[in-house]
Each structure stands twice: as structure tokens, then as C-alpha cells.
């Protein structure tokens, strides 16, 4: 997990502290730490650890149906996308 990714994730989570944060990385949406636990439970997904952080994820094609399930379960959800820095 790159420092750039972690910084963008932390910034997005600060902006939406009361929402589950789904963060797009390539073709997948991922959730971390406490958000990962909730997302995994509601959506019946596996949870794992990456670089010491709890995480879960799913392919982008499931976003619409999974968003509906999370909202129906009473959660607010924020969706963000990792934007890699361009090389100079």
C-alpha cells in the first residue's frame, strides 16, 4: 500500500467521518479498518489484513447493488477513487 494511497484514504475518511468509505483501487472498491468490518458483515464478504490494516473489497461491477444493501442496512456511504500522482 503506497503512502500516496494511504494519505488520500485518510483525507477522504476525515472528510466523511460518519460514512462508510468505499475507496476505488483499479477495478475494485475497498474498505479498511472499522469500515471493513461493517462492509464485510453486511455484504457477507471475507475480511483480511493488508499492511496491518483490516480490509475487504469487491469488484466495481457490484457497486450499485452493494451500495443499495449498505444504505438499506442504515449506513451512509461515501465513494472515493485513488488518483495516483503523475510522474514528473
PDB file of N, CA and C in Angstrom:
ATOM      1  N   UNK A   1       0.870  -1.175   0.000  1.00  0.00           N
ATOM      2  CA  UNK A   1       0.000   0.000   0.000  1.00  0.00           C
ATOM      3  C   UNK A   1       0.912   1.232   0.000  1.00  0.00           C
ATOM      4  N   UNK A   2       0.741   2.090  -0.961  1.00  0.00           N
ATOM      5  CA  UNK A   2       1.621   3.244  -1.097  1.00  0.00           C
ATOM      6  C   UNK A   2       1.258   4.347  -0.109  1.00  0.00           C
ATOM      7  N   UNK A   3       2.232   5.176   0.174  1.00  0.00           N
ATOM      8  CA  UNK A   3       1.979   6.325   1.060  1.00  0.00           C
ATOM      9  C   UNK A   3       0.960   7.272   0.448  1.00  0.00           C
ATOM     10  N   UNK A   4       1.028   7.434  -0.883  1.00  0.00           N
ATOM     11  CA  UNK A   4       0.070   8.293  -1.565  1.00  0.00           C
ATOM     12  C   UNK A   4      -1.352   7.798  -1.395  1.00  0.00           C
ATOM     13  N   UNK A   5      -1.514   6.475  -1.504  1.00  0.00           N
ATOM     14  CA  UNK A   5      -2.834   5.891  -1.306  1.00  0.00           C
ATOM     15  C   UNK A   5      -3.304   6.130   0.116  1.00  0.00           C
ATOM     16  N   UNK A   6      -2.448   5.833   1.075  1.00  0.00           N
ATOM     17  CA  UNK A   6      -2.827   5.958   2.483  1.00  0.00           C
ATOM     18  C   UNK A   6      -3.206   7.398   2.824  1.00  0.00           C
ATOM     19  N   UNK A   7      -2.474   8.355   2.302  1.00  0.00           N
ATOM     20  CA  UNK A   7      -2.781   9.780   2.544  1.00  0.00           C
ATOM     21  C   UNK A   7      -4.144  10.136   1.947  1.00  0.00           C
ATOM     22  N   UNK A   8      -4.395   9.716   0.714  1.00  0.00           N
ATOM     23  CA  UNK A   8      -5.684  10.014   0.085  1.00  0.00           C
ATOM     24  C   UNK A   8      -6.830   9.351   0.849  1.00  0.00           C
ATOM     25  N   UNK A   9      -6.607   8.122   1.296  1.00  0.00           N
ATOM     26  CA  UNK A   9      -7.638   7.422   2.065  1.00  0.00           C
ATOM     27  C   UNK A   9      -7.928   8.163   3.367  1.00  0.00           C
ATOM     28  N   UNK A  10      -6.879   8.526   4.097  1.00  0.00           N
ATOM     29  CA  UNK A  10      -7.056   9.230   5.372  1.00  0.00           C
ATOM     30  C   UNK A  10      -7.750  10.574   5.164  1.00  0.00           C
ATOM     31  N   UNK A  11      -7.383  11.295   4.127  1.00  0.00           N
ATOM     32  CA  UNK A  11      -8.023  12.582   3.838  1.00  0.00           C
ATOM     33  C   UNK A  11      -9.514  12.398   3.534  1.00  0.00           C
ATOM     34  N   UNK A  12      -9.841  11.389   2.734  1.00  0.00           N
ATOM     35  CA  UNK A  12     -11.254  11.134   2.397  1.00  0.00           C
ATOM     36  C   UNK A  12     -12.029  10.724   3.646  1.00  0.00           C
ATOM     37  N   UNK A  13     -11.423   9.917   4.499  1.00  0.00           N
ATOM     38  CA  UNK A  13     -12.109   9.466   5.710  1.00  0.00           C
ATOM     39  C   UNK A  13     -12.347  10.643   6.658  1.00  0.00           C
ATOM     40  N   UNK A  14     -11.407  11.580   6.723  1.00  0.00           N
ATOM     41  CA  UNK A  14     -11.600  12.788   7.545  1.00  0.00           C
ATOM     42  C   UNK A  14     -12.747  13.635   7.015  1.00  0.00           C
ATOM     43  N   UNK A  15     -12.899  13.668   5.700  1.00  0.00           N
ATOM     44  CA  UNK A  15     -13.960  14.457   5.079  1.00  0.00           C
ATOM     45  C   UNK A  15     -15.339  13.840   5.314  1.00  0.00           C
ATOM     46  N   UNK A  16     -15.385  12.517   5.444  1.00  0.00           N
ATOM     47  CA  UNK A  16     -16.649  11.798   5.636  1.00  0.00           C
ATOM     48  C   UNK A  16     -16.546  10.849   6.840  1.00  0.00           C
ATOM     49  N   UNK A  17     -16.330  11.389   8.024  1.00  0.00           N
ATOM     50  CA  UNK A  17     -16.087  10.531   9.194  1.00  0.00           C
ATOM     51  C   UNK A  17     -17.290   9.693   9.621  1.00  0.00           C
ATOM     52  N   UNK A  18     -18.482  10.133   9.292  1.00  0.00           N
ATOM     53  CA  UNK A  18     -19.689   9.409   9.705  1.00  0.00           C
ATOM     54  C   UNK A  18     -20.228   8.487   8.621  1.00  0.00           C
ATOM     55  N   UNK A  19     -19.432   8.242   7.608  1.00  0.00           N
ATOM     56  CA  UNK A  19     -19.849   7.377   6.499  1.00  0.00           C
ATOM     57  C   UNK A  19     -18.883   6.218   6.356  1.00  0.00           C
ATOM     58  N   UNK A  20     -19.394   5.115   5.834  1.00  0.00           N
ATOM     59  CA  UNK A  20     -18.508   4.044   5.405  1.00  0.00           C
ATOM     60  C   UNK A  20     -17.809   4.549   4.150  1.00  0.00           C
ATOM     61  N   UNK A  21     -16.518   4.340   4.054  1.00  0.00           N
ATOM     62  CA  UNK A  21     -15.773   4.806   2.890  1.00  0.00           C
ATOM     63  C   UNK A  21     -15.405   3.623   2.005  1.00  0.00           C
ATOM     64  N   UNK A  22     -15.898   3.654   0.771  1.00  0.00           N
ATOM     65  CA  UNK A  22     -15.513   2.679  -0.244  1.00  0.00           C
ATOM     66  C   UNK A  22     -14.534   3.385  -1.166  1.00  0.00           C
ATOM     67  N   UNK A  23     -13.326   2.863  -1.228  1.00  0.00           N
ATOM     68  CA  UNK A  23     -12.243   3.525  -1.945  1.00  0.00           C
ATOM     69  C   UNK A  23     -11.861   2.687  -3.160  1.00  0.00           C
ATOM     70  N   UNK A  24     -12.002   3.265  -4.335  1.00  0.00           N
ATOM     71  CA  UNK A  24     -11.715   2.521  -5.565  1.00  0.00           C
ATOM     72  C   UNK A  24     -10.219   2.460  -5.830  1.00  0.00           C
ATOM     73  N   UNK A  25      -9.771   1.230  -6.033  1.00  0.00           N
ATOM     74  CA  UNK A  25      -8.372   0.962  -6.408  1.00  0.00           C
ATOM     75  C   UNK A  25      -8.434   0.090  -7.660  1.00  0.00           C
ATOM     76  N   UNK A  26      -8.207   0.673  -8.813  1.00  0.00           N
ATOM     77  CA  UNK A  26      -8.291  -0.100 -10.051  1.00  0.00           C
ATOM     78  C   UNK A  26      -9.717  -0.559 -10.297  1.00  0.00           C
ATOM     79  N   UNK A  27      -9.901  -1.854 -10.402  1.00  0.00           N
ATOM     80  CA  UNK A  27     -11.225  -2.417 -10.692  1.00  0.00           C
ATOM     81  C   UNK A  27     -11.962  -2.867  -9.441  1.00  0.00           C
ATOM     82  N   UNK A  28     -11.465  -2.492  -8.264  1.00  0.00           N
ATOM     83  CA  UNK A  28     -12.075  -2.929  -7.009  1.00  0.00           C
ATOM     84  C   UNK A  28     -12.373  -1.741  -6.097  1.00  0.00           C
ATOM     85  N   UNK A  29     -13.402  -1.907  -5.274  1.00  0.00           N
ATOM     86  CA  UNK A  29     -13.668  -0.987  -4.179  1.00  0.00           C
ATOM     87  C   UNK A  29     -13.233  -1.679  -2.897  1.00  0.00           C
ATOM     88  N   UNK A  30     -12.552  -0.940  -2.041  1.00  0.00           N
ATOM     89  CA  UNK A  30     -12.030  -1.497  -0.807  1.00  0.00           C
ATOM     90  C   UNK A  30     -12.451  -0.640   0.375  1.00  0.00           C
ATOM     91  N   UNK A  31     -12.608  -1.309   1.523  1.00  0.00           N
ATOM     92  CA  UNK A  31     -12.910  -0.620   2.775  1.00  0.00           C
ATOM     93  C   UNK A  31     -11.889  -1.092   3.805  1.00  0.00           C
ATOM     94  N   UNK A  32     -11.556  -0.220   4.751  1.00  0.00           N
ATOM     95  CA  UNK A  32     -10.493  -0.519   5.702  1.00  0.00           C
ATOM     96  C   UNK A  32     -10.947  -0.316   7.141  1.00  0.00           C
ATOM     97  N   UNK A  33     -10.249  -1.019   8.030  1.00  0.00           N
ATOM     98  CA  UNK A  33     -10.436  -0.933   9.480  1.00  0.00           C
ATOM     99  C   UNK A  33     -11.893  -1.148   9.888  1.00  0.00           C
ATOM    100  N   UNK A  34     -12.446  -0.246  10.702  1.00  0.00           N
ATOM    101  CA  UNK A  34     -13.813  -0.437  11.207  1.00  0.00           C
ATOM    102  C   UNK A  34     -14.818  -0.494  10.059  1.00  0.00           C
ATOM    103  N   UNK A  35     -14.600   0.301   9.023  1.00  0.00           N
ATOM    104  CA  UNK A  35     -15.493   0.256   7.854  1.00  0.00           C
ATOM    105  C   UNK A  35     -15.464  -1.123   7.213  1.00  0.00           C
ATOM    106  N   UNK A  36     -14.282  -1.726   7.137  1.00  0.00           N
ATOM    107  CA  UNK A  36     -14.148  -3.052   6.534  1.00  0.00           C
ATOM    108  C   UNK A  36     -14.959  -4.087   7.301  1.00  0.00           C
ATOM    109  N   UNK A  37     -14.941  -3.998   8.625  1.00  0.00           N
ATOM    110  CA  UNK A  37     -15.698  -4.951   9.435  1.00  0.00           C
ATOM    111  C   UNK A  37     -17.196  -4.857   9.138  1.00  0.00           C
ATOM    112  N   UNK A  38     -17.698  -3.632   9.046  1.00  0.00           N
ATOM    113  CA  UNK A  38     -19.127  -3.427   8.785  1.00  0.00           C
ATOM    114  C   UNK A  38     -19.491  -3.876   7.372  1.00  0.00           C
ATOM    115  N   UNK A  39     -18.709  -3.426   6.395  1.00  0.00           N
ATOM    116  CA  UNK A  39     -18.981  -3.775   4.996  1.00  0.00           C
ATOM    117  C   UNK A  39     -18.949  -5.293   4.811  1.00  0.00           C
ATOM    118  N   UNK A  40     -17.955  -5.941   5.385  1.00  0.00           N
ATOM    119  CA  UNK A  40     -17.844  -7.400   5.254  1.00  0.00           C
ATOM    120  C   UNK A  40     -19.041  -8.108   5.881  1.00  0.00           C
ATOM    121  N   UNK A  41     -19.478  -7.614   7.032  1.00  0.00           N
ATOM    122  CA  UNK A  41     -20.618  -8.242   7.698  1.00  0.00           C
ATOM    123  C   UNK A  41     -21.905  -8.059   6.899  1.00  0.00           C
ATOM    124  N   UNK A  42     -22.181  -6.833   6.474  1.00  0.00           N
ATOM    125  CA  UNK A  42     -23.429  -6.552   5.755  1.00  0.00           C
ATOM    126  C   UNK A  42     -23.469  -7.261   4.403  1.00  0.00           C
ATOM    127  N   UNK A  43     -22.333  -7.301   3.716  1.00  0.00           N
ATOM    128  CA  UNK A  43     -22.308  -7.856   2.363  1.00  0.00           C
ATOM    129  C   UNK A  43     -21.841  -9.314   2.318  1.00  0.00           C
ATOM    130  N   UNK A  44     -21.560  -9.873   3.488  1.00  0.00           N
ATOM    131  CA  UNK A  44     -21.097 -11.259   3.582  1.00  0.00           C
ATOM    132  C   UNK A  44     -19.826 -11.476   2.764  1.00  0.00           C
ATOM    133  N   UNK A  45     -18.848 -10.588   2.971  1.00  0.00           N
ATOM    134  CA  UNK A  45     -17.561 -10.666   2.281  1.00  0.00           C
ATOM    135  C   UNK A  45     -16.478 -11.126   3.249  1.00  0.00           C
ATOM    136  N   UNK A  46     -15.412 -11.672   2.703  1.00  0.00           N
ATOM    137  CA  UNK A  46     -14.258 -12.044   3.514  1.00  0.00           C
ATOM    138  C   UNK A  46     -13.537 -10.784   3.972  1.00  0.00           C
ATOM    139  N   UNK A  47     -12.906 -10.871   5.135  1.00  0.00           N
ATOM    140  CA  UNK A  47     -12.102  -9.765   5.647  1.00  0.00           C
ATOM    141  C   UNK A  47     -10.685 -10.283   5.840  1.00  0.00           C
ATOM    142  N   UNK A  48      -9.720  -9.436   5.554  1.00  0.00           N
ATOM    143  CA  UNK A  48      -8.323  -9.833   5.644  1.00  0.00           C
ATOM    144  C   UNK A  48      -7.509  -8.658   6.183  1.00  0.00           C
ATOM    145  N   UNK A  49      -6.210  -8.829   6.266  1.00  0.00           N
ATOM    146  CA  UNK A  49      -5.319  -7.733   6.666  1.00  0.00           C
ATOM    147  C   UNK A  49      -4.334  -7.457   5.548  1.00  0.00           C
ATOM    148  N   UNK A  50      -4.109  -6.182   5.307  1.00  0.00           N
ATOM    149  CA  UNK A  50      -3.096  -5.756   4.343  1.00  0.00           C
ATOM    150  C   UNK A  50      -2.269  -4.679   5.024  1.00  0.00           C
ATOM    151  N   UNK A  51      -0.982  -4.930   5.138  1.00  0.00           N
ATOM    152  CA  UNK A  51      -0.064  -3.986   5.800  1.00  0.00           C
ATOM    153  C   UNK A  51      -0.578  -3.566   7.174  1.00  0.00           C
ATOM    154  N   UNK A  52      -1.126  -4.508   7.907  1.00  0.00           N
ATOM    155  CA  UNK A  52      -1.592  -4.229   9.258  1.00  0.00           C
ATOM    156  C   UNK A  52      -2.988  -3.632   9.357  1.00  0.00           C
ATOM    157  N   UNK A  53      -3.632  -3.367   8.218  1.00  0.00           N
ATOM    158  CA  UNK A  53      -4.986  -2.797   8.217  1.00  0.00           C
ATOM    159  C   UNK A  53      -6.006  -3.873   7.846  1.00  0.00           C
ATOM    160  N   UNK A  54      -7.110  -3.921   8.584  1.00  0.00           N
ATOM    161  CA  UNK A  54      -8.208  -4.786   8.173  1.00  0.00           C
ATOM    162  C   UNK A  54      -8.757  -4.252   6.859  1.00  0.00           C
ATOM    163  N   UNK A  55      -9.111  -5.151   5.945  1.00  0.00           N
ATOM    164  CA  UNK A  55      -9.677  -4.690   4.676  1.00  0.00           C
ATOM    165  C   UNK A  55     -10.597  -5.742   4.093  1.00  0.00           C
ATOM    166  N   UNK A  56     -11.515  -5.245   3.284  1.00  0.00           N
ATOM    167  CA  UNK A  56     -12.380  -6.084   2.466  1.00  0.00           C
ATOM    168  C   UNK A  56     -12.583  -5.353   1.149  1.00  0.00           C
ATOM    169  N   UNK A  57     -13.029  -6.069   0.132  1.00  0.00           N
ATOM    170  CA  UNK A  57     -13.235  -5.406  -1.142  1.00  0.00           C
ATOM    171  C   UNK A  57     -14.099  -6.235  -2.071  1.00  0.00           C
ATOM    172  N   UNK A  58     -14.467  -5.596  -3.180  1.00  0.00           N
ATOM    173  CA  UNK A  58     -15.310  -6.265  -4.169  1.00  0.00           C
ATOM    174  C   UNK A  58     -15.103  -5.599  -5.528  1.00  0.00           C
ATOM    175  N   UNK A  59     -15.379  -6.341  -6.615  1.00  0.00           N
ATOM    176  CA  UNK A  59     -15.229  -5.777  -7.959  1.00  0.00           C
ATOM    177  C   UNK A  59     -16.190  -4.604  -8.186  1.00  0.00           C
ATOM    178  N   UNK A  60     -15.732  -3.649  -8.979  1.00  0.00           N
ATOM    179  CA  UNK A  60     -16.522  -2.431  -9.232  1.00  0.00           C
ATOM    180  C   UNK A  60     -17.894  -2.720  -9.817  1.00  0.00           C
ATOM    181  N   UNK A  61     -18.063  -3.822 -10.532  1.00  0.00           N
ATOM    182  CA  UNK A  61     -19.363  -4.107 -11.152  1.00  0.00           C
ATOM    183  C   UNK A  61     -20.460  -4.342 -10.116  1.00  0.00           C
ATOM    184  N   UNK A  62     -20.082  -4.591  -8.860  1.00  0.00           N
ATOM    185  CA  UNK A  62     -21.068  -4.829  -7.803  1.00  0.00           C
ATOM    186  C   UNK A  62     -21.417  -3.553  -7.020  1.00  0.00           C
ATOM    187  N   UNK A  63     -20.815  -2.432  -7.378  1.00  0.00           N
ATOM    188  CA  UNK A  63     -21.009  -1.216  -6.585  1.00  0.00           C
ATOM    189  C   UNK A  63     -22.479  -0.855  -6.404  1.00  0.00           C
ATOM    190  N   UNK A  64     -23.251  -0.797  -7.465  1.00  0.00           N
ATOM    191  CA  UNK A  64     -24.652  -0.369  -7.356  1.00  0.00           C
ATOM    192  C   UNK A  64     -25.461  -1.251  -6.412  1.00  0.00           C
ATOM    193  N   UNK A  65     -25.357  -2.553  -6.577  1.00  0.00           N
ATOM    194  CA  UNK A  65     -26.147  -3.448  -5.722  1.00  0.00           C
ATOM    195  C   UNK A  65     -25.643  -3.424  -4.282  1.00  0.00           C
ATOM    196  N   UNK A  66     -24.328  -3.323  -4.082  1.00  0.00           N
ATOM    197  CA  UNK A  66     -23.786  -3.298  -2.718  1.00  0.00           C
ATOM    198  C   UNK A  66     -24.097  -1.977  -2.024  1.00  0.00           C
ATOM    199  N   UNK A  67     -24.090  -0.883  -2.767  1.00  0.00           N
ATOM    200  CA  UNK A  67     -24.480   0.406  -2.172  1.00  0.00           C
ATOM    201  C   UNK A  67     -25.912   0.339  -1.646  1.00  0.00           C
ATOM    202  N   UNK A  68     -26.793  -0.232  -2.444  1.00  0.00           N
ATOM    203  CA  UNK A  68     -28.193  -0.365  -2.026  1.00  0.00           C
ATOM    204  C   UNK A  68     -28.306  -1.170  -0.742  1.00  0.00           C
ATOM    205  N   UNK A  69     -27.549  -2.258  -0.627  1.00  0.00           N
ATOM    206  CA  UNK A  69     -27.594  -3.092   0.576  1.00  0.00           C
ATOM    207  C   UNK A  69     -27.072  -2.341   1.799  1.00  0.00           C
ATOM    208  N   UNK A  70     -25.990  -1.592   1.638  1.00  0.00           N
ATOM    209  CA  UNK A  70     -25.418  -0.848   2.758  1.00  0.00           C
ATOM    210  C   UNK A  70     -26.364   0.254   3.228  1.00  0.00           C
ATOM    211  N   UNK A  71     -26.956   0.955   2.283  1.00  0.00           N
ATOM    212  CA  UNK A  71     -27.906   2.019   2.618  1.00  0.00           C
ATOM    213  C   UNK A  71     -29.165   1.419   3.258  1.00  0.00           C
ATOM    214  N   UNK A  72     -29.644   0.311   2.726  1.00  0.00           N
ATOM    215  CA  UNK A  72     -30.821  -0.355   3.290  1.00  0.00           C
ATOM    216  C   UNK A  72     -30.563  -0.834   4.718  1.00  0.00           C
ATOM    217  N   UNK A  73     -29.298  -1.126   5.021  1.00  0.00           N
ATOM    218  CA  UNK A  73     -28.924  -1.551   6.373  1.00  0.00           C
ATOM    219  C   UNK A  73     -28.751  -0.354   7.315  1.00  0.00           C
ATOM    220  N   UNK A  74     -28.961   0.865   6.783  1.00  0.00           N
ATOM    221  CA  UNK A  74     -28.934   2.057   7.621  1.00  0.00           C
ATOM    222  C   UNK A  74     -27.629   2.834   7.642  1.00  0.00           C
ATOM    223  N   UNK A  75     -26.724   2.536   6.728  1.00  0.00           N
ATOM    224  CA  UNK A  75     -25.417   3.207   6.717  1.00  0.00           C
ATOM    225  C   UNK A  75     -25.356   4.298   5.655  1.00  0.00           C
ATOM    226  N   UNK A  76     -24.605   5.341   5.980  1.00  0.00           N
ATOM    227  CA  UNK A  76     -24.239   6.355   4.990  1.00  0.00           C
ATOM    228  C   UNK A  76     -22.958   5.862   4.347  1.00  0.00           C
ATOM    229  N   UNK A  77     -22.821   6.082   3.049  1.00  0.00           N
ATOM    230  CA  UNK A  77     -21.668   5.562   2.319  1.00  0.00           C
ATOM    231  C   UNK A  77     -21.060   6.665   1.465  1.00  0.00           C
ATOM    232  N   UNK A  78     -19.745   6.811   1.554  1.00  0.00           N
ATOM    233  CA  UNK A  78     -19.000   7.723   0.690  1.00  0.00           C
ATOM    234  C   UNK A  78     -18.169   6.867  -0.260  1.00  0.00           C
ATOM    235  N   UNK A  79     -18.087   7.303  -1.509  1.00  0.00           N
ATOM    236  CA  UNK A  79     -17.311   6.579  -2.518  1.00  0.00           C
ATOM    237  C   UNK A  79     -16.228   7.520  -3.024  1.00  0.00           C
ATOM    238  N   UNK A  80     -14.989   7.027  -3.016  1.00  0.00           N
ATOM    239  CA  UNK A  80     -13.854   7.834  -3.471  1.00  0.00           C
ATOM    240  C   UNK A  80     -12.985   6.987  -4.390  1.00  0.00           C
ATOM    241  N   UNK A  81     -12.110   7.652  -5.117  1.00  0.00           N
ATOM    242  CA  UNK A  81     -11.232   6.945  -6.043  1.00  0.00           C
ATOM    243  C   UNK A  81      -9.801   7.382  -5.826  1.00  0.00           C
ATOM    244  N   UNK A  82      -8.894   6.417  -5.773  1.00  0.00           N
ATOM    245  CA  UNK A  82      -7.469   6.700  -5.651  1.00  0.00           C
ATOM    246  C   UNK A  82      -6.981   7.312  -6.957  1.00  0.00           C
ATOM    247  N   UNK A  83      -6.302   8.436  -6.853  1.00  0.00           N
ATOM    248  CA  UNK A  83      -5.738   9.105  -8.025  1.00  0.00           C
ATOM    249  C   UNK A  83      -4.223   9.124  -7.863  1.00  0.00           C
ATOM    250  N   UNK A  84      -3.522   8.255  -8.603  1.00  0.00           N
ATOM    251  CA  UNK A  84      -2.063   8.223  -8.464  1.00  0.00           C
ATOM    252  C   UNK A  84      -1.440   9.528  -8.937  1.00  0.00           C
ATOM    253  N   UNK A  85      -0.375   9.912  -8.240  1.00  0.00           N
ATOM    254  CA  UNK A  85       0.356  11.108  -8.673  1.00  0.00           C
ATOM    255  C   UNK A  85       1.069  10.795  -9.971  1.00  0.00           C
ATOM    256  N   UNK A  86       1.051  11.772 -10.867  1.00  0.00           N
ATOM    257  CA  UNK A  86       1.744  11.586 -12.139  1.00  0.00           C
ATOM    258  C   UNK A  86       3.234  11.795 -11.933  1.00  0.00           C
ATOM    259  N   UNK A  87       4.026  11.000 -12.641  1.00  0.00           N
ATOM    260  CA  UNK A  87       5.482  11.146 -12.581  1.00  0.00           C
ATOM    261  C   UNK A  87       5.889  12.419 -13.288  1.00  0.00           C
ATOM    262  N   UNK A  88       6.915  13.044 -12.765  1.00  0.00           N
ATOM    263  CA  UNK A  88       7.406  14.279 -13.400  1.00  0.00           C
ATOM    264  C   UNK A  88       8.531  13.974 -14.343  1.00  0.00           C
TER     265      UNK A  88
END
